[in-house]
Amino acid sequence: MITDVSTFVGEYPFRTVNPTVEGLLRDMDRVGIDRAWTGFLPAALVRDPGRANQRLAGLLQPHRDRLDPVPTVHPDLPRWEEDLDRAADRGASAVRAWPMHLGIAPDGDGMQALVARAGTRGLVVVLTVRFEDVRQRHPRDVVPDLPPSAVRRLARVGPDVRILVTHAGREFIEEVHFGLTGDESGRVCWDISWLWGPPFDELRRTIDHVGIERLVFGSGMPLRVPEVTVARLDLADLAPAERRAIEHDNVARWRT
C-alpha cells in the first residue's frame, strides 16, 4: 500500500495543471498510489482559507475512501482555532500552513501556537519548503523558501508537536535534523519528493544520516510528476521492509 502525503487539487496561477479530483485519481491509479493526503492549491494564495477549505471538503467527499482532505489554517486570523478544531472533529489527519505565502513569520507566535494546538488535537502540521525550483518559477512567483531555522524552532515548541515538511532537499533536512535533539527530531517527518536518486543517491544518504523512520512518500501532484518519486524508490538500494516503511508504514505509525 502506498500513502502519498503531498497531493493537491485546484488551480495554480503560475502553471497550467489538471486541477480536478478525477485527474488526481487517474494519476494515482497510474502509479499505484492507494491513498493520498490532499490539499487545495488556491488555499495557499488567499488570505482567509475558510471557503477554500469548504470547497476542498466538498470536492473530496465522494472519494474519502482514498483522499483525505488537508485543510489550511491561517494562525494570524481571528478564530483560527475554530478552523483547526473543525478539521480535527471531521477526522482530518493533518492541516496545512503557508507562512511564506501569507507573509507571516514562519516561526512566530502564531505558527508556534498553531503547531502546539494541532499537537494537542492529534493533527500533523504540513509545511512546504517550495512549490517549484527557483529556476523554473514564473517571474511573478517571488515567495521565498521556508527557512530551516523555522522548522527547528517549531519542533521545539512541545512534545506533542508533529510536523511534516514536504519538498525539502537533503541539505535542508540535515540542517534541521542535526540542529535538534533526538526527541525534537522525532517530531519532524520528511517527504522524499525532493531527494534525488542515482547518480547522487541523496535518498540513500538521507536514510543513512537521518533514519528511514523519518521519511514518507510524497509526490507533489499535480505540480510534480508522480513517476519521479516512484522511480527514486525503484532505483534505491532498499530492502522490502525499508520500502514499505517509506510508502506507508512510517506515516501510519507516526500518526498513532
Protein backbone atom coordinates (compact mmCIF):
# COMPACT_ATOMS: atom_id res chain seq x y z
CA MET A 1 0.00 0.00 0.00
CA ILE A 2 1.25 3.50 -0.86
CA THR A 3 0.09 6.60 1.03
CA ASP A 4 1.02 9.88 -0.66
CA VAL A 5 1.20 12.73 1.86
CA SER A 6 1.58 15.56 -0.66
CA THR A 7 -1.09 15.95 -3.33
CA PHE A 8 -3.35 18.80 -4.38
CA VAL A 9 -6.41 19.69 -6.36
CA GLY A 10 -7.40 23.11 -7.67
CA GLU A 11 -5.98 25.76 -9.97
CA TYR A 12 -2.49 27.24 -9.73
CA PRO A 13 -1.87 30.71 -11.18
CA PHE A 14 1.71 30.23 -12.34
CA ARG A 15 1.36 26.97 -14.28
CA THR A 16 -1.27 25.01 -16.15
CA VAL A 17 -2.15 21.90 -14.15
CA ASN A 18 -5.00 19.41 -14.10
CA PRO A 19 -7.00 20.76 -11.15
CA THR A 20 -9.64 18.03 -10.87
CA VAL A 21 -10.15 15.24 -8.37
CA GLU A 22 -10.68 12.85 -11.27
CA GLY A 23 -7.31 13.79 -12.73
CA LEU A 24 -5.61 13.21 -9.38
CA LEU A 25 -7.23 9.79 -9.02
CA ARG A 26 -6.15 8.83 -12.54
CA ASP A 27 -2.56 9.79 -11.74
CA MET A 28 -2.71 7.80 -8.51
CA ASP A 29 -4.03 4.74 -10.33
CA ARG A 30 -1.35 5.04 -12.98
CA VAL A 31 1.49 4.65 -10.48
CA GLY A 32 -0.26 2.51 -7.87
CA ILE A 33 -0.91 5.04 -5.09
CA ASP A 34 -3.72 3.84 -2.82
CA ARG A 35 -4.44 6.83 -0.57
CA ALA A 36 -3.45 10.49 -0.53
CA TRP A 37 -3.46 13.46 1.79
CA THR A 38 -4.89 16.17 -0.43
CA GLY A 39 -4.73 19.94 -0.09
CA PHE A 40 -6.29 22.74 -2.12
CA LEU A 41 -3.77 24.77 -4.15
CA PRO A 42 -5.73 28.06 -4.10
CA ALA A 43 -5.79 27.97 -0.28
CA ALA A 44 -2.11 28.94 -0.23
CA LEU A 45 -2.88 32.18 -2.05
CA VAL A 46 -5.95 33.55 -0.28
CA ARG A 47 -5.88 35.42 3.00
CA ASP A 48 -8.88 33.66 4.55
CA PRO A 49 -8.86 29.93 3.72
CA GLY A 50 -12.36 29.23 5.09
CA ARG A 51 -14.15 29.00 1.75
CA ALA A 52 -11.23 27.14 0.19
CA ASN A 53 -11.48 24.52 2.93
CA GLN A 54 -15.21 24.16 2.31
CA ARG A 55 -14.56 23.71 -1.40
CA LEU A 56 -11.91 21.09 -0.70
CA ALA A 57 -14.22 19.15 1.61
CA GLY A 58 -16.98 19.16 -0.99
CA LEU A 59 -14.70 18.02 -3.80
CA LEU A 60 -13.23 15.14 -1.82
CA GLN A 61 -16.37 13.96 -0.02
CA PRO A 62 -17.31 11.35 -2.70
CA HIS A 63 -13.77 9.95 -2.55
CA ARG A 64 -12.99 9.84 1.16
CA ASP A 65 -12.10 6.16 0.82
CA ARG A 66 -8.91 7.29 -0.97
CA LEU A 67 -8.48 11.05 -0.46
CA ASP A 68 -8.01 12.64 2.97
CA PRO A 69 -8.61 16.41 2.95
CA VAL A 70 -5.85 18.53 4.47
CA PRO A 71 -7.42 21.94 5.16
CA THR A 72 -5.45 25.14 5.55
CA VAL A 73 -5.22 27.15 8.79
CA HIS A 74 -4.08 30.79 8.95
CA PRO A 75 -2.86 31.40 12.53
CA ASP A 76 -2.89 35.19 12.25
CA LEU A 77 -6.64 35.36 11.60
CA PRO A 78 -9.25 35.72 14.36
CA ARG A 79 -10.78 32.41 15.49
CA TRP A 80 -8.25 30.30 13.60
CA GLU A 81 -8.56 27.83 16.46
CA GLU A 82 -12.09 27.05 15.29
CA ASP A 83 -10.78 26.12 11.84
CA LEU A 84 -8.24 23.76 13.37
CA ASP A 85 -10.73 22.19 15.77
CA ARG A 86 -13.21 21.74 12.93
CA ALA A 87 -10.59 19.83 10.97
CA ALA A 88 -9.87 17.58 13.94
CA ASP A 89 -13.56 16.97 14.61
CA ARG A 90 -14.06 15.93 10.98
CA GLY A 91 -11.31 13.34 11.19
CA ALA A 92 -8.54 15.09 9.26
CA SER A 93 -5.07 13.59 9.51
CA ALA A 94 -3.35 16.96 9.13
CA VAL A 95 -3.69 20.67 8.45
CA ARG A 96 -1.57 22.84 6.18
CA ALA A 97 0.01 26.20 6.94
CA TRP A 98 1.57 28.54 4.37
CA PRO A 99 3.52 31.19 6.34
CA MET A 100 5.78 32.19 3.44
CA HIS A 101 2.88 32.63 1.01
CA LEU A 102 0.89 34.58 3.59
CA GLY A 103 3.76 36.84 4.59
CA ILE A 104 3.75 35.87 8.26
CA ALA A 105 6.71 34.90 10.43
CA PRO A 106 7.28 31.18 9.82
CA ASP A 107 8.39 30.65 13.41
CA GLY A 108 6.46 33.48 15.05
CA ASP A 109 3.94 33.35 17.86
CA GLY A 110 1.08 32.45 15.53
CA MET A 111 2.85 29.47 13.98
CA GLN A 112 4.05 28.28 17.37
CA ALA A 113 0.52 28.42 18.71
CA LEU A 114 -0.72 26.54 15.65
CA VAL A 115 1.68 23.60 15.97
CA ALA A 116 1.07 23.42 19.71
CA ARG A 117 -2.72 23.30 19.39
CA ALA A 118 -2.55 20.90 16.46
CA GLY A 119 -0.41 18.59 18.55
CA THR A 120 -2.94 18.50 21.38
CA ARG A 121 -5.64 17.60 18.85
CA GLY A 122 -3.56 14.84 17.27
CA LEU A 123 -3.06 16.70 13.98
CA VAL A 124 0.06 16.85 11.85
CA VAL A 125 1.01 20.32 10.55
CA VAL A 126 2.20 20.17 6.93
CA LEU A 127 4.74 22.78 5.80
CA THR A 128 6.05 23.07 2.24
CA VAL A 129 9.53 24.41 1.55
CA ARG A 130 8.70 25.41 -2.02
CA PHE A 131 6.30 24.55 -4.83
CA GLU A 132 8.91 24.75 -7.60
CA ASP A 133 12.63 25.17 -8.05
CA VAL A 134 13.56 28.85 -8.23
CA ARG A 135 14.94 28.32 -11.75
CA GLN A 136 11.53 27.19 -13.00
CA ARG A 137 9.30 29.76 -11.34
CA HIS A 138 7.21 32.37 -13.06
CA PRO A 139 8.76 35.85 -12.68
CA ARG A 140 5.81 36.92 -10.53
CA ASP A 141 6.20 33.95 -8.18
CA VAL A 142 8.50 35.60 -5.64
CA VAL A 143 7.55 33.67 -2.48
CA PRO A 144 10.76 32.78 -0.63
CA ASP A 145 11.52 29.25 0.52
CA LEU A 146 10.67 28.17 4.05
CA PRO A 147 13.88 28.51 6.14
CA PRO A 148 15.28 25.52 8.06
CA SER A 149 15.57 27.62 11.22
CA ALA A 150 11.78 27.97 11.33
CA VAL A 151 11.27 24.20 11.32
CA ARG A 152 13.79 23.78 14.14
CA ARG A 153 12.08 26.38 16.29
CA LEU A 154 8.62 24.93 15.69
CA ALA A 155 9.83 21.43 16.52
CA ARG A 156 10.94 22.72 19.93
CA VAL A 157 7.50 24.05 20.86
CA GLY A 158 6.45 20.91 22.74
CA PRO A 159 6.41 17.11 22.92
CA ASP A 160 3.05 16.75 21.15
CA VAL A 161 4.15 18.64 18.02
CA ARG A 162 4.08 16.71 14.74
CA ILE A 163 5.40 18.48 11.64
CA LEU A 164 5.56 17.07 8.12
CA VAL A 165 7.86 19.02 5.79
CA THR A 166 7.45 18.48 2.05
CA HIS A 167 9.69 19.47 -0.89
CA ALA A 168 12.84 19.68 1.24
CA GLY A 169 16.25 18.79 -0.17
CA ARG A 170 18.91 16.76 1.62
CA GLU A 171 20.85 19.81 2.84
CA PHE A 172 17.69 21.34 4.31
CA ILE A 173 16.75 18.08 6.04
CA GLU A 174 20.19 17.57 7.55
CA GLU A 175 20.45 21.19 8.69
CA VAL A 176 17.22 20.78 10.64
CA HIS A 177 17.85 17.23 11.86
CA PHE A 178 21.34 17.79 13.23
CA GLY A 179 20.25 21.01 14.92
CA LEU A 180 17.69 19.18 17.09
CA THR A 181 17.89 16.75 19.96
CA GLY A 182 16.80 13.16 19.39
CA ASP A 183 13.37 13.81 20.92
CA GLU A 184 12.91 17.00 18.90
CA SER A 185 13.91 15.43 15.58
CA GLY A 186 11.34 12.70 16.21
CA ARG A 187 8.64 15.37 15.91
CA VAL A 188 9.54 16.10 12.27
CA CYS A 189 8.89 13.90 9.25
CA TRP A 190 10.02 14.48 5.65
CA ASP A 191 8.60 13.50 2.29
CA ILE A 192 11.02 12.23 -0.36
CA SER A 193 9.80 14.35 -3.28
CA TRP A 194 12.98 16.49 -3.38
CA LEU A 195 15.55 13.78 -2.65
CA TRP A 196 17.35 12.80 -5.83
CA GLY A 197 18.24 9.22 -6.65
CA PRO A 198 21.23 7.97 -8.69
CA PRO A 199 23.77 9.18 -9.52
CA PHE A 200 23.57 11.47 -6.46
CA ASP A 201 21.93 8.88 -4.16
CA GLU A 202 20.57 11.60 -1.88
CA LEU A 203 17.71 9.36 -0.80
CA ARG A 204 20.12 6.66 0.40
CA ARG A 205 22.36 9.23 2.11
CA THR A 206 19.38 10.78 3.88
CA ILE A 207 18.24 7.37 5.09
CA ASP A 208 21.73 6.69 6.46
CA HIS A 209 22.10 10.10 8.12
CA VAL A 210 18.58 10.83 9.37
CA GLY A 211 16.93 7.42 9.65
CA ILE A 212 14.38 5.75 7.45
CA GLU A 213 11.70 6.16 10.12
CA ARG A 214 11.66 9.92 9.37
CA LEU A 215 10.81 9.57 5.65
CA VAL A 216 7.43 9.21 3.91
CA PHE A 217 6.17 9.05 0.34
CA GLY A 218 5.15 12.36 -1.22
CA SER A 219 4.76 13.17 -4.90
CA GLY A 220 3.61 16.80 -5.05
CA MET A 221 0.97 16.05 -7.71
CA PRO A 222 -0.14 17.80 -9.89
CA LEU A 223 2.79 20.21 -9.78
CA ARG A 224 5.22 17.30 -9.96
CA VAL A 225 5.20 14.02 -11.87
CA PRO A 226 4.50 11.07 -9.53
CA GLU A 227 6.59 8.64 -11.57
CA VAL A 228 9.70 10.52 -10.43
CA THR A 229 9.10 9.69 -6.78
CA VAL A 230 8.30 6.07 -7.60
CA ALA A 231 11.45 5.84 -9.73
CA ARG A 232 13.58 7.04 -6.82
CA LEU A 233 12.35 4.11 -4.77
CA ASP A 234 12.83 1.70 -7.66
CA LEU A 235 16.44 2.82 -8.14
CA ALA A 236 17.36 2.97 -4.45
CA ASP A 237 19.01 0.01 -2.77
CA LEU A 238 16.10 -0.64 -0.39
CA ALA A 239 15.11 -3.80 1.39
CA PRO A 240 11.39 -4.64 1.07
CA ALA A 241 10.77 -3.57 4.67
CA GLU A 242 12.50 -0.23 4.05
CA ARG A 243 10.38 0.46 1.02
CA ARG A 244 7.19 -0.42 2.89
CA ALA A 245 8.25 1.93 5.67
CA ILE A 246 8.52 4.89 3.30
CA GLU A 247 5.45 4.02 1.25
CA HIS A 248 3.04 3.54 4.14
CA ASP A 249 4.24 2.17 7.48
CA ASN A 250 6.01 5.31 8.74
CA VAL A 251 3.08 7.64 8.22
CA ALA A 252 0.68 5.09 9.74
CA ARG A 253 2.90 4.64 12.80
CA TRP A 254 3.74 8.33 13.11
CA ARG A 255 0.06 9.29 13.22
CA THR A 256 -0.76 6.91 16.10
